[in-house]
Structures are given as structure tokens and as C-alpha cells.
Amino acid sequence: MEKDKKIKLGISIGDLNGIGSEIIIKTFEDNRMLEFCTPVIFASTKTMTFFKKHFKSGINFHGINTIDQVIDGKINVLNVWKENLSINFGEEDVKIGEYTVKSLEAATQALKNEAIDVLVTAPIHKHNIQSESFKFPGHTNYLAEKLGGKSLMFMVTDTLKVGLLTDHVPVKDVPKQITAALINEKIDTVYKSLKQDFRIGKPRIAVLGINPHAGDNGVIGEEDDEILRPTLQQIKEKGKMVYGPYSADSFFGSGNYKNFDAIIASYHDQGLIPFKTIAFGHGVNYTAGLSKIRTSPDHGTAFEIAGKGQADNGSFKEAVYTAIAIFKNRKEYNQYSKNPLKKAPKKI
């Protein structure tokens, strides 16, 4: 039966010298997780067995060589490589970075081919993965190219959702990157995601200003008045409930964020510092705007504690739950969009 079909949840292993292996093992040591999904870890049984022994875990892996060998009720490990690797927790290693990329590429291809339903990515080290064949600043940009769509870094919890107009962009380049076209694109992506991925019927979106105090009527920069404010007004006139620009310094501390379904920040730290202050360890990084679903924890490789058994898997587990929930929400949304009368009760 289609209803009973388990969601195939792909997992890219991330940086092998980081905490990715530990948070994956801790999450799936709880057998109840297998009631929600069928995990497929893109790595190798040799490597995962090393991690199992290192962390003294009782977890059992089911090794497979092709994706069609996946078995429900098992923690499947797809052998992306067969050689033994030298794992040195906490060390930056471009050779290990090559295997990070191999895992990500194989998992992304499986997602693209619908061999898995969703993808959860363990943390990567952005410097270690750079090569002649891989020149992306992070997961978001890579997935956008491979899967198509207008990708947006969307940091989410049940009660707080923060998107970005610009993400991995130097601060000095932010103002010139923010155009009317970009603002429209990002707001459209957030709006659509809130409706189809989070089942919010009439989204309310707040946008934070580019400059301190949203420019203070041109005293502290003109971008807010010349670009951001008029563009938001035009979007609002078309029917979307979009508000701003708000002064970023007091927006979160005052609790104003609680009045909105999502907040769009102008640049990376403006949005992610308050998000991680409020939700760190429980937040999820979701790549909105793609044809496929990808989530990840809200933290990095944490080299300083890698291999020590101290990593908190809370955010990774939330990333798993969020990917599953979005998959179900989107499926339901697409069904009802095709047939809007489907839910209507029959008249007697």
C-alpha cells in the first residue's frame, strides 16, 4: 500500500573528521526512528563500522552496493567507496574532503533520480571540499545547480523561520547584490514554501532593513528608501502580506518576530545570529525553492569536540523530522492543488 510506504531518507556523511558520524549514530540508535523513515547513509560499511567501534555503539548497519537493495526497517549504508580511510577527528584534511564530496554527489544524484525521497546533509567543512571539480561555497549553491530552482537558505523551527536575501556574500558586497528582482524572487520563494511546505494558508512575512535603523530616512544609507521600501510596497499591493523594512537591532529582542510566519534578513549574520541565539541546537537549515527536499542541522563540523562523544544530535534529529514533515506537506499540497475540490465534503 502507498500509505504504508516508508519515506526513503538519504544522508550524506559530511566531513568524516567532524561530528557528522556521531550525530547520525546517536539519532538512529533509537530504533523508533525506523518507524518514520528508511535511512540510507551514503558512505561505506567499512567507514561506518569504524565509527560504530569508536563510539562503542550497538547500532547495526545494512551494507548495500546499489540503491535498489535498500531494506525498510534497516539502517542502510550505500557503499560509495570501498577503500579504508584514515580518520583523524578534528583535523582539516582535503583528502577527507574528497570523500565528503563523493557522498554528497551520490546522495544528490539519488535524490534527483527519486531513488530517495528526501536528503539530510551532515555538516561539511567548506574549505576542505574545494577542488578543480567542486567550487561551491556550500550545500545550498551546489544543490541549486544540480536540482534546479531558486534556492534559499531557510532556517526553521516550529515557531521561528528566517530566510536570507543574500547568504554567503561578503558584507561589503551586500548592498549592491540587493535589487528589486532579488527581493521579489526571495519573497516569492519564502511565500510559496510557507504555503506548500509548512501549510500556512496566509503567510505574514517581515523584512529587515539593509542599514542600521533601516536607513533612518536616508541618514544611514539610502538603499532602504530607494530599493527595499518601494519594492516591498509593490509586493504588498499585489496581495502578499509583506511588512517592513524593520530595524534589525530591536526586532528580535522586542519579540516582534512572533507576529510573523517568517522573517527575511538582508544578509547572513543579520538573520543567523538571532536565529541561532534563540534556537541553536534545535533549528534546521532547510533549502527552500528546490524541486527536492534537503535539510541539515543548524551547526557545523565542530572539530573541537569531534570524536569525543560529546556532540548533541538534537538539531540533526530535528532535520530528519522536518524533512519528513515537509515531504508529506508538499505531497498533500500538490494533490489538493491539482484537485482543489478533493477535500470538500459531499453534499447530502
Protein backbone atom coordinates (compact mmCIF):
# COMPACT_ATOMS: atom_id res chain seq x y z
CA MET A 1 0.00 0.00 0.00
CA GLU A 2 1.28 3.51 -0.89
CA LYS A 3 0.18 4.84 2.50
CA ASP A 4 2.42 2.35 4.31
CA LYS A 5 5.43 3.03 2.12
CA LYS A 6 8.31 4.31 4.23
CA ILE A 7 9.95 7.58 3.23
CA LYS A 8 13.48 6.89 1.98
CA LEU A 9 15.70 9.34 3.80
CA GLY A 10 19.13 9.84 2.25
CA ILE A 11 22.01 11.05 4.44
CA SER A 12 25.27 12.48 3.16
CA ILE A 13 28.04 11.82 5.66
CA GLY A 14 29.58 15.29 5.77
CA ASP A 15 33.18 15.82 6.88
CA LEU A 16 34.40 12.48 8.24
CA ASN A 17 36.71 14.22 10.72
CA GLY A 18 33.81 16.20 12.17
CA ILE A 19 30.79 15.27 14.30
CA GLY A 20 28.58 14.06 11.43
CA SER A 21 29.09 10.36 12.08
CA GLU A 22 28.39 10.78 15.80
CA ILE A 23 25.12 12.66 15.40
CA ILE A 24 23.93 10.17 12.76
CA ILE A 25 24.72 7.20 15.01
CA LYS A 26 23.12 8.81 18.06
CA THR A 27 19.97 9.59 16.08
CA PHE A 28 19.46 6.10 14.68
CA GLU A 29 20.49 4.20 17.80
CA ASP A 30 16.86 4.88 18.70
CA ASN A 31 15.05 2.15 16.76
CA ARG A 32 11.83 4.16 16.88
CA MET A 33 13.30 6.38 14.15
CA LEU A 34 12.82 3.48 11.72
CA GLU A 35 9.07 3.81 12.19
CA PHE A 36 9.23 7.22 10.46
CA CYS A 37 11.64 6.52 7.62
CA THR A 38 14.14 4.20 5.98
CA PRO A 39 17.60 5.77 6.29
CA VAL A 40 20.22 5.41 3.55
CA ILE A 41 23.68 6.65 4.55
CA PHE A 42 25.94 7.45 1.59
CA ALA A 43 29.39 6.37 2.79
CA SER A 44 30.82 2.85 3.23
CA THR A 45 30.25 -0.01 5.63
CA LYS A 46 33.99 -0.04 6.48
CA THR A 47 33.92 3.62 7.47
CA MET A 48 30.66 3.35 9.40
CA THR A 49 31.92 0.24 11.22
CA PHE A 50 34.98 2.24 12.30
CA PHE A 51 32.68 4.93 13.73
CA LYS A 52 30.50 2.32 15.40
CA LYS A 53 33.50 0.85 17.22
CA HIS A 54 34.97 4.23 18.09
CA PHE A 55 31.74 5.41 19.74
CA LYS A 56 31.11 1.96 21.30
CA SER A 57 27.66 1.85 19.73
CA GLY A 58 25.39 -1.15 19.43
CA ILE A 59 23.92 0.14 16.18
CA ASN A 60 23.68 -2.28 13.24
CA PHE A 61 24.22 -1.29 9.62
CA HIS A 62 22.91 -3.00 6.49
CA GLY A 63 25.52 -2.64 3.75
CA ILE A 64 24.32 -2.30 0.15
CA ASN A 65 26.06 -1.70 -3.17
CA THR A 66 23.12 -0.36 -5.18
CA ILE A 67 20.20 1.81 -4.16
CA ASP A 68 17.63 -0.82 -5.15
CA GLN A 69 18.95 -3.07 -2.34
CA VAL A 70 17.55 -0.78 0.37
CA ILE A 71 15.50 -2.62 3.02
CA ASP A 72 12.87 -1.00 5.24
CA GLY A 73 13.49 -1.44 8.94
CA LYS A 74 17.27 -1.36 8.45
CA ILE A 75 19.89 1.39 8.68
CA ASN A 76 21.18 1.08 5.14
CA VAL A 77 24.71 2.11 4.21
CA LEU A 78 25.30 2.53 0.47
CA ASN A 79 28.95 1.81 -0.39
CA VAL A 80 30.09 4.92 -2.25
CA TRP A 81 33.72 3.85 -1.74
CA LYS A 82 35.39 0.61 -0.62
CA GLU A 83 38.86 1.64 0.50
CA ASN A 84 39.88 2.08 4.13
CA LEU A 85 40.20 5.72 5.19
CA SER A 86 42.39 7.33 7.80
CA ILE A 87 40.06 9.23 10.12
CA ASN A 88 41.66 11.91 12.29
CA PHE A 89 38.95 13.64 14.28
CA GLY A 90 39.20 17.41 14.40
CA GLU A 91 41.73 17.79 11.61
CA GLU A 92 41.27 19.71 8.37
CA ASP A 93 42.10 17.32 5.55
CA VAL A 94 41.44 17.97 1.86
CA LYS A 95 41.76 14.23 1.15
CA ILE A 96 38.86 13.57 3.55
CA GLY A 97 37.09 16.44 1.80
CA GLU A 98 37.13 14.39 -1.40
CA TYR A 99 35.05 11.71 0.30
CA THR A 100 32.69 14.37 1.68
CA VAL A 101 32.05 15.39 -1.92
CA LYS A 102 31.69 11.77 -3.11
CA SER A 103 28.98 11.18 -0.52
CA LEU A 104 27.17 14.43 -1.38
CA GLU A 105 27.31 13.82 -5.13
CA ALA A 106 25.98 10.26 -4.83
CA ALA A 107 23.20 11.33 -2.46
CA THR A 108 22.21 14.26 -4.67
CA GLN A 109 22.07 12.05 -7.76
CA ALA A 110 19.85 9.57 -5.90
CA LEU A 111 17.58 12.45 -4.83
CA LYS A 112 17.42 13.75 -8.39
CA ASN A 113 16.55 10.26 -9.68
CA GLU A 114 13.88 9.85 -6.94
CA ALA A 115 15.70 6.80 -5.57
CA ILE A 116 15.43 8.59 -2.22
CA ASP A 117 12.61 10.93 -1.18
CA VAL A 118 14.49 13.50 0.90
CA LEU A 119 18.09 14.35 1.78
CA VAL A 120 19.59 15.28 5.15
CA THR A 121 23.16 16.53 4.93
CA ALA A 122 25.64 16.22 7.79
CA PRO A 123 27.95 19.24 8.26
CA ILE A 124 30.76 19.92 5.77
CA HIS A 125 33.93 21.98 6.09
CA LYS A 126 33.72 24.46 3.22
CA HIS A 127 37.48 24.76 2.71
CA ASN A 128 38.14 21.00 2.64
CA ILE A 129 35.69 20.35 -0.21
CA GLN A 130 37.12 22.88 -2.66
CA SER A 131 38.76 21.43 -5.77
CA GLU A 132 39.01 21.95 -9.52
CA SER A 133 35.77 20.00 -9.97
CA PHE A 134 33.92 21.32 -6.89
CA LYS A 135 33.84 25.09 -6.44
CA PHE A 136 30.78 25.82 -4.33
CA PRO A 137 30.70 27.80 -1.05
CA GLY A 138 28.27 25.29 0.47
CA HIS A 139 25.41 22.85 0.08
CA THR A 140 22.82 25.45 -0.96
CA ASN A 141 24.64 26.61 -4.08
CA TYR A 142 25.60 23.09 -5.14
CA LEU A 143 22.07 21.74 -4.78
CA ALA A 144 20.61 24.70 -6.64
CA GLU A 145 22.80 23.92 -9.65
CA LYS A 146 22.18 20.17 -9.57
CA LEU A 147 18.46 20.16 -8.77
CA GLY A 148 17.31 23.41 -10.35
CA GLY A 149 15.21 26.13 -8.77
CA LYS A 150 15.71 29.37 -6.86
CA SER A 151 17.42 28.14 -3.71
CA LEU A 152 17.06 29.99 -0.41
CA MET A 153 18.67 29.26 2.94
CA PHE A 154 15.68 28.97 5.28
CA MET A 155 16.46 28.42 8.96
CA VAL A 156 13.39 26.96 10.63
CA THR A 157 11.84 25.78 13.88
CA ASP A 158 8.16 25.34 14.72
CA THR A 159 7.96 28.94 15.92
CA LEU A 160 10.72 30.82 14.07
CA LYS A 161 11.61 30.86 10.36
CA VAL A 162 14.35 33.09 8.95
CA GLY A 163 15.24 33.43 5.27
CA LEU A 164 18.00 35.49 3.67
CA LEU A 165 18.14 37.91 0.75
CA THR A 166 21.88 37.21 0.47
CA ASP A 167 23.70 34.31 2.13
CA HIS A 168 27.42 33.58 1.70
CA VAL A 169 28.29 37.05 0.44
CA PRO A 170 30.98 39.36 1.89
CA VAL A 171 29.34 42.16 3.90
CA LYS A 172 30.90 44.83 1.65
CA ASP A 173 29.05 43.35 -1.35
CA VAL A 174 25.61 43.04 0.24
CA PRO A 175 24.03 46.41 -0.77
CA LYS A 176 24.84 46.06 -4.47
CA GLN A 177 23.50 42.49 -4.53
CA ILE A 178 20.07 43.52 -3.22
CA THR A 179 17.93 44.51 -6.19
CA ALA A 180 14.18 44.68 -6.77
CA ALA A 181 14.42 41.46 -8.77
CA LEU A 182 16.23 39.64 -5.94
CA ILE A 183 13.76 40.89 -3.32
CA ASN A 184 10.82 39.68 -5.40
CA GLU A 185 12.48 36.31 -6.02
CA LYS A 186 13.30 35.63 -2.37
CA ILE A 187 9.91 36.75 -1.06
CA ASP A 188 8.16 34.57 -3.67
CA THR A 189 10.29 31.59 -2.59
CA VAL A 190 9.56 32.10 1.11
CA TYR A 191 5.86 32.70 0.47
CA LYS A 192 5.50 29.55 -1.62
CA SER A 193 7.47 27.47 0.89
CA LEU A 194 5.33 28.64 3.81
CA LYS A 195 2.21 27.58 1.91
CA GLN A 196 3.28 24.25 0.40
CA ASP A 197 5.97 23.08 2.85
CA PHE A 198 4.60 24.36 6.17
CA ARG A 199 0.84 24.50 5.47
CA ILE A 200 0.44 28.19 6.34
CA GLY A 201 -2.60 29.46 4.44
CA LYS A 202 -1.99 33.22 4.57
CA PRO A 203 1.68 33.86 5.34
CA ARG A 204 2.77 37.04 7.09
CA ILE A 205 6.36 37.98 6.23
CA ALA A 206 8.60 40.63 7.83
CA VAL A 207 11.67 42.02 6.05
CA LEU A 208 14.63 43.51 7.92
CA GLY A 209 16.33 46.67 6.71
CA ILE A 210 19.70 46.72 4.94
CA ASN A 211 21.23 49.51 7.03
CA PRO A 212 21.09 50.23 10.77
CA HIS A 213 17.64 51.59 11.70
CA ALA A 214 16.53 50.72 8.13
CA GLY A 215 18.50 53.75 6.93
CA ASP A 216 16.88 56.28 9.30
CA ASN A 217 15.24 58.18 6.41
CA GLY A 218 18.44 58.24 4.41
CA VAL A 219 20.72 59.41 7.23
CA ILE A 220 22.42 55.98 7.46
CA GLY A 221 22.38 54.86 3.84
CA GLU A 222 19.84 55.23 1.04
CA GLU A 223 19.31 51.60 -0.02
CA ASP A 224 16.34 51.02 2.25
CA ASP A 225 14.40 54.01 0.92
CA GLU A 226 15.45 53.68 -2.71
CA ILE A 227 15.25 49.90 -3.20
CA LEU A 228 13.80 47.92 -0.31
CA ARG A 229 10.85 50.05 0.81
CA PRO A 230 9.30 50.72 -2.64
CA THR A 231 9.76 47.09 -3.71
CA LEU A 232 8.01 45.82 -0.58
CA GLN A 233 5.16 48.27 -1.18
CA GLN A 234 4.69 46.96 -4.73
CA ILE A 235 4.67 43.36 -3.49
CA LYS A 236 2.14 44.24 -0.79
CA GLU A 237 -0.13 45.93 -3.35
CA LYS A 238 -0.23 42.64 -5.27
CA GLY A 239 -1.78 40.90 -2.26
CA LYS A 240 1.04 39.39 -0.23
CA MET A 241 1.17 40.27 3.46
CA VAL A 242 4.72 41.58 3.50
CA TYR A 243 5.86 44.19 6.02
CA GLY A 244 8.99 46.26 6.57
CA PRO A 245 11.73 47.18 6.39
CA TYR A 246 12.16 46.80 10.14
CA SER A 247 15.14 47.98 12.14
CA ALA A 248 17.04 44.72 12.76
CA ASP A 249 18.63 45.62 16.11
CA SER A 250 15.40 45.59 18.13
CA PHE A 251 13.24 43.28 16.03
CA PHE A 252 14.04 40.02 17.83
CA GLY A 253 14.70 41.37 21.32
CA SER A 254 11.31 43.07 21.37
CA GLY A 255 9.56 39.80 20.46
CA ASN A 256 8.16 41.36 17.27
CA TYR A 257 9.26 38.29 15.32
CA LYS A 258 6.47 36.32 16.99
CA ASN A 259 3.91 38.28 14.97
CA PHE A 260 5.11 36.83 11.65
CA ASP A 261 5.31 33.43 9.97
CA ALA A 262 8.75 34.21 8.53
CA ILE A 263 11.41 36.89 8.67
CA ILE A 264 13.68 37.75 5.73
CA ALA A 265 17.05 39.22 6.67
CA SER A 266 19.17 41.23 4.27
CA TYR A 267 22.37 39.30 4.90
CA HIS A 268 23.77 36.21 6.60
CA ASP A 269 24.70 37.36 10.11
CA GLN A 270 21.75 39.74 10.43
CA GLY A 271 19.43 36.72 10.28
CA LEU A 272 21.52 33.85 11.58
CA ILE A 273 22.89 35.43 14.75
CA PRO A 274 19.42 35.98 16.26
CA PHE A 275 18.15 32.66 14.90
CA LYS A 276 20.99 30.67 16.44
CA THR A 277 20.79 32.64 19.68
CA ILE A 278 17.11 31.76 20.04
CA ALA A 279 17.06 28.26 18.55
CA PHE A 280 20.61 26.86 18.46
CA GLY A 281 20.70 23.08 18.69
CA HIS A 282 17.03 22.75 17.72
CA GLY A 283 16.93 24.68 14.46
CA VAL A 284 17.08 23.23 10.98
CA ASN A 285 18.68 24.57 7.81
CA TYR A 286 16.18 23.95 5.01
CA THR A 287 16.93 24.71 1.36
CA ALA A 288 13.66 26.20 0.15
CA GLY A 289 12.82 26.77 -3.50
CA LEU A 290 14.16 23.49 -4.91
CA SER A 291 12.22 20.73 -6.62
CA LYS A 292 13.51 18.31 -3.95
CA ILE A 293 13.74 18.44 -0.16
CA ARG A 294 17.02 18.92 1.69
CA THR A 295 17.58 19.76 5.35
CA SER A 296 20.59 19.84 7.65
CA PRO A 297 21.39 20.66 11.28
CA ASP A 298 21.95 24.30 12.23
CA HIS A 299 25.62 23.84 13.17
CA GLY A 300 28.96 23.00 11.60
CA THR A 301 31.56 20.25 11.86
CA ALA A 302 32.51 21.17 15.47
CA PHE A 303 36.09 19.90 15.05
CA GLU A 304 36.88 20.91 18.63
CA ILE A 305 34.68 18.13 20.04
CA ALA A 306 34.79 15.65 17.15
CA GLY A 307 35.34 12.05 18.19
CA LYS A 308 34.82 12.78 21.89
CA GLY A 309 31.24 11.54 22.17
CA GLN A 310 30.05 14.99 23.28
CA ALA A 311 28.06 16.04 20.22
CA ASP A 312 24.36 16.88 20.65
CA ASN A 313 22.28 15.24 17.91
CA GLY A 314 19.16 17.31 18.66
CA SER A 315 19.39 19.50 15.57
CA PHE A 316 20.18 16.56 13.28
CA LYS A 317 17.15 14.68 14.59
CA GLU A 318 15.01 17.79 14.01
CA ALA A 319 16.39 17.94 10.46
CA VAL A 320 15.16 14.37 9.91
CA TYR A 321 11.71 15.14 11.31
CA THR A 322 11.47 18.37 9.30
CA ALA A 323 12.41 16.67 6.01
CA ILE A 324 9.74 14.02 6.58
CA ALA A 325 7.08 16.59 7.52
CA ILE A 326 7.84 18.80 4.51
CA PHE A 327 7.73 15.79 2.18
CA LYS A 328 4.25 14.89 3.45
CA ASN A 329 3.04 18.51 3.42
CA ARG A 330 4.27 19.11 -0.10
CA LYS A 331 2.73 15.88 -1.38
CA GLU A 332 -0.61 16.81 0.15
CA TYR A 333 -0.38 20.38 -1.16
CA ASN A 334 0.35 19.18 -4.71
CA GLN A 335 -2.58 16.74 -4.60
CA TYR A 336 -5.04 19.41 -3.46
CA SER A 337 -3.63 21.97 -5.90
CA LYS A 338 -4.38 19.59 -8.77
CA ASN A 339 -7.85 18.91 -7.41
CA PRO A 340 -8.99 21.71 -5.06
CA LEU A 341 -12.42 20.08 -4.59
CA LYS A 342 -10.93 16.85 -3.27
CA LYS A 343 -11.23 17.88 0.38
CA ALA A 344 -14.70 19.34 0.10
CA PRO A 345 -17.31 17.25 1.94
CA LYS A 346 -20.02 15.63 -0.16
CA LYS A 347 -23.36 17.41 -0.09
CA ILE A 348 -26.28 15.31 1.09
